[in-house]
Amino acid sequence: VTPFPSDRLPLARALCGELVQDVEIFVRNEGVPDGIWIKASAAPRRDEDGNVCGGVVVFRDITRQKRSLETIQRLSSAVEQTADAIIITDLAGTIQYVNPGFERMTGYSREEVAGRTPRILKSGEHDPRFYEDMWGTVLGGGDFRGTLLNRKKNGKLFHAEQTISPVRGSDGQDAFLVSVLKDVTEHLQSLQ
């Protein structure tokens, strides 16, 4: 789309005596119509008198890393901007992350809940057996789905359809839990 200035190419710069590190260049042509990202580093070659007599360039294909980063950024934006509340905890239930949807829904800020557990939302309306079953399902590797009656920071009760899922790490073992809450209070009230 935008031609790379030939005098700024890593080899041209190395031939001028410059050491070039990790320049990212997008290349698209008939051979690679979708394009690839390369990272180039270059260094001048000098003769025994120290005069530049050539250059060495190392190219690395970083297309996969760039596309992975784009995917991560897209997912991060989706999580940050969704209206539903998202909570990420460690396997012990300690909150590691909440999105802005959680803050709007519950009235708690990220700072207030970091390091705490989702028990801060506990309304007292569910019996202990309910929570035992929920945790048994999740820690057993299953997904929990249900409607909970939770309590906001201001004390107001709200119904939330909630899904809690274990997420596996690269080793295949459960690494953390993600929970998505959708406030269904108004919907349930309209049915009454």
N, C-alpha and C. Protein backbone atom coordinates (compact mmCIF):
# COMPACT_ATOMS: atom_id res chain seq x y z
N VAL A 1 0.84 -1.19 0.00
CA VAL A 1 0.00 0.00 0.00
C VAL A 1 0.88 1.24 0.00
N THR A 2 1.85 1.28 0.88
CA THR A 2 2.77 2.41 0.94
C THR A 2 4.17 1.89 0.63
N PRO A 3 4.76 2.31 -0.47
CA PRO A 3 6.10 1.81 -0.79
C PRO A 3 7.11 2.18 0.30
N PHE A 4 7.98 1.23 0.61
CA PHE A 4 9.03 1.46 1.60
C PHE A 4 10.15 2.22 0.89
N PRO A 5 10.56 3.37 1.41
CA PRO A 5 11.61 4.15 0.72
C PRO A 5 12.89 3.32 0.58
N SER A 6 13.40 3.23 -0.63
CA SER A 6 14.55 2.36 -0.87
C SER A 6 15.78 2.76 -0.05
N ASP A 7 15.95 4.03 0.22
CA ASP A 7 17.11 4.44 1.01
C ASP A 7 16.95 4.12 2.50
N ARG A 8 15.75 3.68 2.93
CA ARG A 8 15.51 3.32 4.33
C ARG A 8 15.50 1.81 4.53
N LEU A 9 15.65 1.06 3.44
CA LEU A 9 15.73 -0.39 3.56
C LEU A 9 16.96 -0.75 4.40
N PRO A 10 16.85 -1.81 5.21
CA PRO A 10 17.96 -2.17 6.10
C PRO A 10 19.31 -2.34 5.40
N LEU A 11 19.33 -2.97 4.22
CA LEU A 11 20.62 -3.16 3.54
C LEU A 11 21.21 -1.82 3.10
N ALA A 12 20.37 -0.94 2.54
CA ALA A 12 20.86 0.37 2.12
C ALA A 12 21.45 1.12 3.31
N ARG A 13 20.81 1.04 4.44
CA ARG A 13 21.31 1.71 5.64
C ARG A 13 22.62 1.07 6.12
N ALA A 14 22.70 -0.26 6.05
CA ALA A 14 23.94 -0.94 6.45
C ALA A 14 25.09 -0.56 5.52
N LEU A 15 24.81 -0.41 4.23
CA LEU A 15 25.84 -0.01 3.28
C LEU A 15 26.35 1.41 3.54
N CYS A 16 25.56 2.19 4.27
CA CYS A 16 25.99 3.53 4.68
C CYS A 16 26.70 3.50 6.04
N GLY A 17 26.92 2.28 6.56
CA GLY A 17 27.65 2.13 7.81
C GLY A 17 26.78 2.05 9.06
N GLU A 18 25.47 2.01 8.89
CA GLU A 18 24.55 2.01 10.03
C GLU A 18 24.23 0.57 10.47
N LEU A 19 24.15 0.37 11.78
CA LEU A 19 23.68 -0.90 12.33
C LEU A 19 22.16 -0.77 12.48
N VAL A 20 21.41 -1.70 11.91
CA VAL A 20 19.95 -1.62 11.89
C VAL A 20 19.39 -2.80 12.66
N GLN A 21 18.49 -2.53 13.59
CA GLN A 21 17.93 -3.60 14.42
C GLN A 21 16.41 -3.65 14.28
N ASP A 22 15.87 -4.80 13.98
CA ASP A 22 14.45 -5.12 14.08
C ASP A 22 13.51 -4.12 13.41
N VAL A 23 13.72 -3.89 12.12
CA VAL A 23 12.80 -3.06 11.34
C VAL A 23 11.69 -3.97 10.83
N GLU A 24 10.43 -3.58 11.08
CA GLU A 24 9.30 -4.38 10.60
C GLU A 24 8.84 -3.84 9.25
N ILE A 25 8.70 -4.77 8.30
CA ILE A 25 8.32 -4.39 6.94
C ILE A 25 7.20 -5.33 6.49
N PHE A 26 6.14 -4.75 5.90
CA PHE A 26 5.06 -5.54 5.34
C PHE A 26 5.34 -5.69 3.85
N VAL A 27 5.35 -6.93 3.36
CA VAL A 27 5.66 -7.22 1.97
C VAL A 27 4.45 -7.91 1.33
N ARG A 28 4.02 -7.32 0.22
CA ARG A 28 2.93 -7.95 -0.55
C ARG A 28 3.29 -7.83 -2.03
N ASN A 29 3.16 -8.93 -2.73
CA ASN A 29 3.40 -8.93 -4.17
C ASN A 29 2.61 -10.08 -4.79
N GLU A 30 2.85 -10.35 -6.07
CA GLU A 30 2.10 -11.42 -6.74
C GLU A 30 2.35 -12.77 -6.09
N GLY A 31 3.55 -12.97 -5.59
CA GLY A 31 3.90 -14.24 -4.95
C GLY A 31 3.24 -14.44 -3.60
N VAL A 32 2.99 -13.34 -2.89
CA VAL A 32 2.32 -13.38 -1.58
C VAL A 32 1.23 -12.30 -1.55
N PRO A 33 0.10 -12.58 -2.23
CA PRO A 33 -0.94 -11.56 -2.36
C PRO A 33 -1.56 -11.12 -1.03
N ASP A 34 -1.56 -11.99 -0.01
CA ASP A 34 -2.07 -11.59 1.31
C ASP A 34 -1.03 -10.83 2.10
N GLY A 35 0.19 -10.93 1.69
CA GLY A 35 1.28 -10.22 2.35
C GLY A 35 1.84 -10.97 3.54
N ILE A 36 3.07 -10.63 3.88
CA ILE A 36 3.73 -11.17 5.06
C ILE A 36 4.45 -10.03 5.79
N TRP A 37 4.65 -10.22 7.07
CA TRP A 37 5.44 -9.29 7.87
C TRP A 37 6.82 -9.90 8.07
N ILE A 38 7.84 -9.09 7.84
CA ILE A 38 9.19 -9.55 8.13
C ILE A 38 9.84 -8.56 9.09
N LYS A 39 10.76 -9.07 9.87
CA LYS A 39 11.58 -8.23 10.74
C LYS A 39 13.00 -8.37 10.22
N ALA A 40 13.62 -7.23 9.92
CA ALA A 40 14.95 -7.25 9.32
C ALA A 40 15.95 -6.52 10.22
N SER A 41 17.11 -7.10 10.33
CA SER A 41 18.24 -6.47 11.00
C SER A 41 19.41 -6.50 10.03
N ALA A 42 20.22 -5.45 10.05
CA ALA A 42 21.33 -5.38 9.10
C ALA A 42 22.56 -4.78 9.77
N ALA A 43 23.70 -5.18 9.26
CA ALA A 43 24.97 -4.65 9.77
C ALA A 43 25.92 -4.47 8.59
N PRO A 44 26.73 -3.45 8.65
CA PRO A 44 27.72 -3.28 7.58
C PRO A 44 28.84 -4.31 7.71
N ARG A 45 29.41 -4.71 6.57
CA ARG A 45 30.63 -5.54 6.57
C ARG A 45 31.77 -4.59 6.25
N ARG A 46 32.81 -4.74 6.98
CA ARG A 46 33.94 -3.83 6.79
C ARG A 46 35.18 -4.61 6.40
N ASP A 47 36.02 -3.97 5.57
CA ASP A 47 37.29 -4.61 5.22
C ASP A 47 38.30 -4.38 6.33
N GLU A 48 39.53 -4.86 6.11
CA GLU A 48 40.54 -4.76 7.16
C GLU A 48 40.90 -3.32 7.50
N ASP A 49 40.59 -2.35 6.63
CA ASP A 49 40.85 -0.94 6.92
C ASP A 49 39.66 -0.25 7.58
N GLY A 50 38.56 -1.00 7.79
CA GLY A 50 37.38 -0.43 8.42
C GLY A 50 36.40 0.21 7.46
N ASN A 51 36.67 0.11 6.16
CA ASN A 51 35.77 0.67 5.16
C ASN A 51 34.61 -0.30 4.90
N VAL A 52 33.42 0.25 4.69
CA VAL A 52 32.26 -0.58 4.39
C VAL A 52 32.45 -1.22 3.02
N CYS A 53 32.37 -2.56 2.99
CA CYS A 53 32.54 -3.28 1.72
C CYS A 53 31.32 -4.14 1.39
N GLY A 54 30.31 -4.05 2.21
CA GLY A 54 29.10 -4.84 1.98
C GLY A 54 28.20 -4.77 3.19
N GLY A 55 27.23 -5.64 3.20
CA GLY A 55 26.31 -5.66 4.33
C GLY A 55 25.70 -7.04 4.49
N VAL A 56 25.25 -7.30 5.70
CA VAL A 56 24.59 -8.56 6.02
C VAL A 56 23.20 -8.22 6.54
N VAL A 57 22.21 -8.90 6.02
CA VAL A 57 20.84 -8.67 6.45
C VAL A 57 20.25 -10.00 6.89
N VAL A 58 19.55 -9.98 8.03
CA VAL A 58 18.85 -11.16 8.52
C VAL A 58 17.36 -10.84 8.50
N PHE A 59 16.61 -11.70 7.83
CA PHE A 59 15.16 -11.53 7.75
C PHE A 59 14.49 -12.63 8.56
N ARG A 60 13.45 -12.25 9.32
CA ARG A 60 12.64 -13.24 10.03
C ARG A 60 11.18 -12.99 9.67
N ASP A 61 10.47 -14.05 9.34
CA ASP A 61 9.04 -13.96 9.05
C ASP A 61 8.31 -13.89 10.39
N ILE A 62 7.65 -12.77 10.65
CA ILE A 62 6.92 -12.58 11.91
C ILE A 62 5.42 -12.48 11.68
N THR A 63 4.97 -12.97 10.52
CA THR A 63 3.55 -12.88 10.17
C THR A 63 2.67 -13.53 11.22
N ARG A 64 3.04 -14.73 11.65
CA ARG A 64 2.21 -15.43 12.63
C ARG A 64 2.13 -14.67 13.95
N GLN A 65 3.25 -14.14 14.40
CA GLN A 65 3.25 -13.37 15.65
C GLN A 65 2.39 -12.11 15.51
N LYS A 66 2.51 -11.41 14.37
CA LYS A 66 1.72 -10.19 14.17
C LYS A 66 0.22 -10.52 14.14
N ARG A 67 -0.14 -11.58 13.47
CA ARG A 67 -1.55 -11.95 13.39
C ARG A 67 -2.07 -12.42 14.75
N SER A 68 -1.23 -13.12 15.51
CA SER A 68 -1.61 -13.52 16.86
C SER A 68 -1.83 -12.29 17.73
N LEU A 69 -0.94 -11.32 17.62
CA LEU A 69 -1.08 -10.09 18.39
C LEU A 69 -2.35 -9.34 18.00
N GLU A 70 -2.65 -9.30 16.70
CA GLU A 70 -3.90 -8.66 16.25
C GLU A 70 -5.11 -9.36 16.84
N THR A 71 -5.08 -10.70 16.88
CA THR A 71 -6.19 -11.47 17.45
C THR A 71 -6.33 -11.16 18.93
N ILE A 72 -5.22 -11.13 19.65
CA ILE A 72 -5.24 -10.82 21.08
C ILE A 72 -5.81 -9.42 21.31
N GLN A 73 -5.39 -8.46 20.50
CA GLN A 73 -5.90 -7.10 20.64
C GLN A 73 -7.39 -7.03 20.34
N ARG A 74 -7.83 -7.78 19.34
CA ARG A 74 -9.26 -7.80 19.00
C ARG A 74 -10.07 -8.42 20.14
N LEU A 75 -9.58 -9.53 20.69
CA LEU A 75 -10.27 -10.18 21.81
C LEU A 75 -10.29 -9.28 23.04
N SER A 76 -9.17 -8.63 23.30
CA SER A 76 -9.10 -7.71 24.44
C SER A 76 -10.11 -6.57 24.29
N SER A 77 -10.20 -6.01 23.09
CA SER A 77 -11.18 -4.95 22.85
C SER A 77 -12.60 -5.44 23.04
N ALA A 78 -12.87 -6.65 22.57
CA ALA A 78 -14.22 -7.22 22.72
C ALA A 78 -14.57 -7.39 24.20
N VAL A 79 -13.63 -7.92 24.98
CA VAL A 79 -13.88 -8.14 26.41
C VAL A 79 -14.07 -6.81 27.12
N GLU A 80 -13.26 -5.82 26.78
CA GLU A 80 -13.34 -4.52 27.43
C GLU A 80 -14.63 -3.79 27.08
N GLN A 81 -15.15 -4.00 25.86
CA GLN A 81 -16.29 -3.20 25.40
C GLN A 81 -17.64 -3.88 25.49
N THR A 82 -17.68 -5.17 25.84
CA THR A 82 -18.96 -5.85 25.92
C THR A 82 -19.78 -5.30 27.09
N ALA A 83 -21.09 -5.33 26.94
CA ALA A 83 -21.98 -4.83 28.00
C ALA A 83 -22.07 -5.81 29.17
N ASP A 84 -21.85 -7.09 28.91
CA ASP A 84 -21.92 -8.09 29.98
C ASP A 84 -20.69 -7.99 30.88
N ALA A 85 -20.86 -8.46 32.10
CA ALA A 85 -19.75 -8.45 33.05
C ALA A 85 -18.87 -9.67 32.82
N ILE A 86 -17.57 -9.47 32.86
CA ILE A 86 -16.63 -10.57 32.73
C ILE A 86 -15.68 -10.52 33.92
N ILE A 87 -15.53 -11.67 34.56
CA ILE A 87 -14.64 -11.81 35.70
C ILE A 87 -13.66 -12.94 35.37
N ILE A 88 -12.37 -12.71 35.61
CA ILE A 88 -11.37 -13.76 35.48
C ILE A 88 -10.76 -13.95 36.86
N THR A 89 -10.76 -15.20 37.32
CA THR A 89 -10.19 -15.52 38.63
C THR A 89 -9.15 -16.62 38.48
N ASP A 90 -8.32 -16.77 39.50
CA ASP A 90 -7.46 -17.95 39.54
C ASP A 90 -8.33 -19.13 39.97
N LEU A 91 -7.75 -20.30 40.09
CA LEU A 91 -8.53 -21.48 40.42
C LEU A 91 -9.08 -21.46 41.84
N ALA A 92 -8.51 -20.61 42.69
CA ALA A 92 -9.01 -20.47 44.06
C ALA A 92 -10.15 -19.45 44.13
N GLY A 93 -10.44 -18.81 43.01
CA GLY A 93 -11.53 -17.85 42.98
C GLY A 93 -11.11 -16.41 43.24
N THR A 94 -9.82 -16.14 43.33
CA THR A 94 -9.34 -14.78 43.56
C THR A 94 -9.43 -14.00 42.25
N ILE A 95 -10.07 -12.84 42.31
CA ILE A 95 -10.30 -12.04 41.11
C ILE A 95 -8.98 -11.46 40.59
N GLN A 96 -8.72 -11.74 39.32
CA GLN A 96 -7.53 -11.23 38.64
C GLN A 96 -7.89 -10.07 37.70
N TYR A 97 -9.14 -10.10 37.18
CA TYR A 97 -9.55 -9.09 36.19
C TYR A 97 -11.06 -8.99 36.18
N VAL A 98 -11.55 -7.77 36.02
CA VAL A 98 -12.96 -7.53 35.70
C VAL A 98 -12.99 -6.47 34.59
N ASN A 99 -13.99 -6.56 33.75
CA ASN A 99 -14.10 -5.58 32.66
C ASN A 99 -14.99 -4.41 33.08
N PRO A 100 -15.05 -3.36 32.27
CA PRO A 100 -15.92 -2.22 32.58
C PRO A 100 -17.40 -2.60 32.72
N GLY A 101 -17.83 -3.63 32.00
CA GLY A 101 -19.22 -4.10 32.13
C GLY A 101 -19.50 -4.55 33.55
N PHE A 102 -18.53 -5.21 34.19
CA PHE A 102 -18.67 -5.61 35.59
C PHE A 102 -18.80 -4.39 36.48
N GLU A 103 -17.97 -3.39 36.24
CA GLU A 103 -18.02 -2.17 37.05
C GLU A 103 -19.39 -1.49 36.94
N ARG A 104 -19.91 -1.39 35.71
CA ARG A 104 -21.23 -0.77 35.52
C ARG A 104 -22.33 -1.59 36.17
N MET A 105 -22.26 -2.91 36.03
CA MET A 105 -23.32 -3.79 36.52
C MET A 105 -23.36 -3.84 38.04
N THR A 106 -22.20 -3.90 38.68
CA THR A 106 -22.15 -4.14 40.12
C THR A 106 -21.88 -2.89 40.96
N GLY A 107 -21.30 -1.87 40.36
CA GLY A 107 -20.93 -0.68 41.12
C GLY A 107 -19.55 -0.78 41.76
N TYR A 108 -18.90 -1.93 41.66
CA TYR A 108 -17.55 -2.11 42.20
C TYR A 108 -16.52 -1.74 41.13
N SER A 109 -15.46 -1.07 41.54
CA SER A 109 -14.37 -0.77 40.61
C SER A 109 -13.39 -1.94 40.57
N ARG A 110 -12.55 -1.94 39.56
CA ARG A 110 -11.50 -2.97 39.44
C ARG A 110 -10.62 -2.99 40.69
N GLU A 111 -10.27 -1.80 41.14
CA GLU A 111 -9.38 -1.69 42.30
C GLU A 111 -10.03 -2.29 43.55
N GLU A 112 -11.33 -2.13 43.69
CA GLU A 112 -12.03 -2.63 44.87
C GLU A 112 -12.11 -4.16 44.91
N VAL A 113 -12.15 -4.79 43.74
CA VAL A 113 -12.33 -6.24 43.71
C VAL A 113 -11.05 -7.03 43.47
N ALA A 114 -10.00 -6.37 43.03
CA ALA A 114 -8.74 -7.07 42.76
C ALA A 114 -8.26 -7.77 44.03
N GLY A 115 -7.98 -9.06 43.89
CA GLY A 115 -7.50 -9.83 45.03
C GLY A 115 -8.60 -10.38 45.93
N ARG A 116 -9.84 -10.00 45.66
CA ARG A 116 -10.98 -10.52 46.43
C ARG A 116 -11.62 -11.66 45.64
N THR A 117 -12.71 -12.21 46.16
CA THR A 117 -13.42 -13.26 45.44
C THR A 117 -14.80 -12.76 45.03
N PRO A 118 -15.45 -13.43 44.10
CA PRO A 118 -16.79 -13.04 43.69
C PRO A 118 -17.82 -13.14 44.82
N ARG A 119 -17.41 -13.66 45.99
CA ARG A 119 -18.34 -13.71 47.13
C ARG A 119 -18.85 -12.31 47.51
N ILE A 120 -18.14 -11.28 47.09
CA ILE A 120 -18.61 -9.92 47.40
C ILE A 120 -19.98 -9.65 46.78
N LEU A 121 -20.35 -10.45 45.78
CA LEU A 121 -21.67 -10.30 45.14
C LEU A 121 -22.73 -11.18 45.78
N LYS A 122 -22.32 -12.01 46.73
CA LYS A 122 -23.22 -12.99 47.33
C LYS A 122 -24.40 -12.29 48.01
N SER A 123 -25.59 -12.73 47.65
CA SER A 123 -26.82 -12.10 48.18
C SER A 123 -27.29 -12.75 49.47
N GLY A 124 -26.85 -13.98 49.72
CA GLY A 124 -27.36 -14.72 50.87
C GLY A 124 -28.64 -15.47 50.56
N GLU A 125 -29.09 -15.41 49.32
CA GLU A 125 -30.35 -16.04 48.92
C GLU A 125 -30.17 -17.49 48.46
N HIS A 126 -28.94 -17.90 48.18
CA HIS A 126 -28.68 -19.28 47.76
C HIS A 126 -28.09 -20.05 48.94
N ASP A 127 -28.50 -21.31 49.08
CA ASP A 127 -27.98 -22.09 50.21
C ASP A 127 -26.55 -22.57 49.90
N PRO A 128 -25.80 -22.94 50.92
CA PRO A 128 -24.41 -23.39 50.72
C PRO A 128 -24.27 -24.54 49.74
N ARG A 129 -25.26 -25.41 49.69
CA ARG A 129 -25.21 -26.56 48.77
C ARG A 129 -25.16 -26.09 47.31
N PHE A 130 -25.87 -24.99 47.00
CA PHE A 130 -25.86 -24.43 45.65
C PHE A 130 -24.42 -24.08 45.23
N TYR A 131 -23.72 -23.40 46.13
CA TYR A 131 -22.34 -23.00 45.82
C TYR A 131 -21.39 -24.19 45.78
N GLU A 132 -21.62 -25.18 46.62
CA GLU A 132 -20.80 -26.40 46.59
C GLU A 132 -20.95 -27.10 45.24
N ASP A 133 -22.18 -27.21 44.77
CA ASP A 133 -22.43 -27.84 43.47
C ASP A 133 -21.78 -27.03 42.34
N MET A 134 -21.92 -25.70 42.41
CA MET A 134 -21.35 -24.83 41.39
C MET A 134 -19.82 -25.02 41.33
N TRP A 135 -19.16 -24.93 42.48
CA TRP A 135 -17.70 -25.07 42.52
C TRP A 135 -17.27 -26.48 42.15
N GLY A 136 -18.04 -27.48 42.54
CA GLY A 136 -17.73 -28.86 42.16
C GLY A 136 -17.74 -29.04 40.65
N THR A 137 -18.73 -28.44 40.01
CA THR A 137 -18.83 -28.52 38.54
C THR A 137 -17.63 -27.86 37.89
N VAL A 138 -17.33 -26.64 38.30
CA VAL A 138 -16.26 -25.87 37.66
C VAL A 138 -14.90 -26.47 37.93
N LEU A 139 -14.62 -26.81 39.18
CA LEU A 139 -13.30 -27.37 39.50
C LEU A 139 -13.15 -28.79 38.99
N GLY A 140 -14.27 -29.42 38.63
CA GLY A 140 -14.23 -30.74 38.01
C GLY A 140 -14.02 -30.65 36.50
N GLY A 141 -13.87 -29.43 35.98
CA GLY A 141 -13.60 -29.24 34.56
C GLY A 141 -14.82 -28.93 33.73
N GLY A 142 -16.00 -28.83 34.37
CA GLY A 142 -17.23 -28.54 33.63
C GLY A 142 -17.59 -27.07 33.64
N ASP A 143 -18.55 -26.73 32.82
CA ASP A 143 -19.08 -25.36 32.78
C ASP A 143 -20.30 -25.28 33.68
N PHE A 144 -20.38 -24.21 34.45
CA PHE A 144 -21.56 -23.95 35.26
C PHE A 144 -22.40 -22.92 34.52
N ARG A 145 -23.71 -23.18 34.44
CA ARG A 145 -24.66 -22.20 33.88
C ARG A 145 -25.84 -22.13 34.83
N GLY A 146 -26.20 -20.91 35.17
CA GLY A 146 -27.34 -20.74 36.05
C GLY A 146 -27.72 -19.29 36.21
N THR A 147 -28.83 -19.06 36.89
CA THR A 147 -29.26 -17.70 37.20
C THR A 147 -29.07 -17.50 38.68
N LEU A 148 -28.27 -16.51 39.03
CA LEU A 148 -27.96 -16.22 40.42
C LEU A 148 -28.60 -14.90 40.83
N LEU A 149 -28.94 -14.83 42.09
CA LEU A 149 -29.39 -13.58 42.67
C LEU A 149 -28.18 -12.99 43.38
N ASN A 150 -27.66 -11.89 42.85
CA ASN A 150 -26.46 -11.27 43.38
C ASN A 150 -26.79 -9.92 44.02
N ARG A 151 -25.80 -9.36 44.70
CA ARG A 151 -25.96 -8.07 45.37
C ARG A 151 -24.92 -7.09 44.85
N LYS A 152 -25.39 -5.90 44.44
CA LYS A 152 -24.50 -4.84 43.98
C LYS A 152 -23.82 -4.16 45.18
N LYS A 153 -22.88 -3.32 44.89
CA LYS A 153 -22.16 -2.58 45.93
C LYS A 153 -23.14 -1.76 46.78
N ASN A 154 -24.15 -1.20 46.14
CA ASN A 154 -25.12 -0.36 46.87
C ASN A 154 -26.17 -1.18 47.63
N GLY A 155 -26.05 -2.51 47.59
CA GLY A 155 -26.97 -3.39 48.32
C GLY A 155 -28.15 -3.87 47.52
N LYS A 156 -28.37 -3.30 46.36
CA LYS A 156 -29.50 -3.68 45.52
C LYS A 156 -29.27 -5.07 44.92
N LEU A 157 -30.31 -5.89 44.93
CA LEU A 157 -30.23 -7.24 44.37
C LEU A 157 -30.46 -7.21 42.87
N PHE A 158 -29.79 -8.12 42.17
CA PHE A 158 -30.01 -8.26 40.73
C PHE A 158 -29.84 -9.72 40.34
N HIS A 159 -30.62 -10.14 39.33
CA HIS A 159 -30.53 -11.49 38.79
C HIS A 159 -29.54 -11.49 37.63
N ALA A 160 -28.68 -12.48 37.62
CA ALA A 160 -27.70 -12.58 36.54
C ALA A 160 -27.65 -14.00 36.01
N GLU A 161 -27.82 -14.11 34.69
CA GLU A 161 -27.51 -15.38 34.04
C GLU A 161 -26.00 -15.44 34.02
N GLN A 162 -25.45 -16.53 34.55
CA GLN A 162 -24.01 -16.60 34.71
C GLN A 162 -23.46 -17.90 34.17
N THR A 163 -22.36 -17.80 33.48
CA THR A 163 -21.61 -18.96 33.01
C THR A 163 -20.22 -18.86 33.60
N ILE A 164 -19.74 -19.94 34.19
CA ILE A 164 -18.38 -20.00 34.70
C ILE A 164 -17.70 -21.18 34.01
N SER A 165 -16.56 -20.90 33.38
CA SER A 165 -15.86 -21.96 32.64
C SER A 165 -14.39 -22.00 33.05
N PRO A 166 -13.85 -23.21 33.22
CA PRO A 166 -12.41 -23.32 33.41
C PRO A 166 -11.71 -23.11 32.06
N VAL A 167 -10.58 -22.44 32.09
CA VAL A 167 -9.81 -22.21 30.87
C VAL A 167 -8.47 -22.92 31.04
N ARG A 168 -8.11 -23.70 30.04
CA ARG A 168 -6.87 -24.49 30.12
C ARG A 168 -5.68 -23.70 29.61
N GLY A 169 -4.54 -23.95 30.23
CA GLY A 169 -3.30 -23.35 29.78
C GLY A 169 -2.68 -24.18 28.68
N SER A 170 -1.49 -23.79 28.24
CA SER A 170 -0.81 -24.49 27.15
C SER A 170 -0.45 -25.92 27.53
N ASP A 171 -0.39 -26.21 28.83
CA ASP A 171 -0.07 -27.56 29.29
C ASP A 171 -1.30 -28.47 29.35
N GLY A 172 -2.48 -27.93 29.01
CA GLY A 172 -3.71 -28.71 29.02
C GLY A 172 -4.40 -28.76 30.37
N GLN A 173 -3.80 -28.18 31.38
CA GLN A 173 -4.39 -28.16 32.72
C GLN A 173 -5.20 -26.87 32.90
N ASP A 174 -6.23 -26.94 33.75
CA ASP A 174 -7.01 -25.75 34.05
C ASP A 174 -6.08 -24.70 34.64
N ALA A 175 -6.15 -23.48 34.11
CA ALA A 175 -5.25 -22.41 34.53
C ALA A 175 -5.98 -21.30 35.28
N PHE A 176 -7.21 -20.99 34.83
CA PHE A 176 -7.99 -19.95 35.47
C PHE A 176 -9.46 -20.14 35.12
N LEU A 177 -10.31 -19.33 35.72
CA LEU A 177 -11.75 -19.40 35.48
C LEU A 177 -12.21 -18.09 34.86
N VAL A 178 -13.13 -18.19 33.93
CA VAL A 178 -13.75 -16.98 33.37
C VAL A 178 -15.25 -17.09 33.58
N SER A 179 -15.82 -15.99 34.03
CA SER A 179 -17.25 -15.94 34.30
C SER A 179 -17.86 -14.77 33.55
N VAL A 180 -19.00 -15.03 32.91
CA VAL A 180 -19.73 -14.00 32.18
C VAL A 180 -21.10 -13.87 32.82
N LEU A 181 -21.46 -12.64 33.19
CA LEU A 181 -22.75 -12.37 33.84
C LEU A 181 -23.57 -11.43 32.96
N LYS A 182 -24.82 -11.78 32.79
CA LYS A 182 -25.77 -10.92 32.06
C LYS A 182 -26.89 -10.58 33.02
N ASP A 183 -27.09 -9.30 33.25
CA ASP A 183 -28.15 -8.85 34.15
C ASP A 183 -29.50 -9.08 33.47
N VAL A 184 -30.33 -9.94 34.08
CA VAL A 184 -31.65 -10.28 33.51
C VAL A 184 -32.77 -9.83 34.44
N THR A 185 -32.47 -8.92 35.36
CA THR A 185 -33.45 -8.47 36.34
C THR A 185 -34.69 -7.89 35.67
N GLU A 186 -34.49 -6.96 34.75
CA GLU A 186 -35.64 -6.32 34.09
C GLU A 186 -36.44 -7.34 33.29
N HIS A 187 -35.76 -8.24 32.64
CA HIS A 187 -36.46 -9.27 31.85
C HIS A 187 -37.32 -10.14 32.77
N LEU A 188 -36.79 -10.58 33.90
CA LEU A 188 -37.56 -11.41 34.82
C LEU A 188 -38.74 -10.64 35.41
N GLN A 189 -38.56 -9.35 35.70
CA GLN A 189 -39.64 -8.53 36.24
C GLN A 189 -40.74 -8.36 35.21
N SER A 190 -40.40 -8.27 33.93
CA SER A 190 -41.41 -8.10 32.89
C SER A 190 -42.26 -9.36 32.72
N LEU A 191 -41.75 -10.50 33.15
CA LEU A 191 -42.49 -11.75 33.03
C LEU A 191 -43.49 -11.93 34.16
N GLN A 192 -43.34 -11.16 35.23
CA GLN A 192 -44.22 -11.33 36.40
C GLN A 192 -45.52 -10.59 36.25
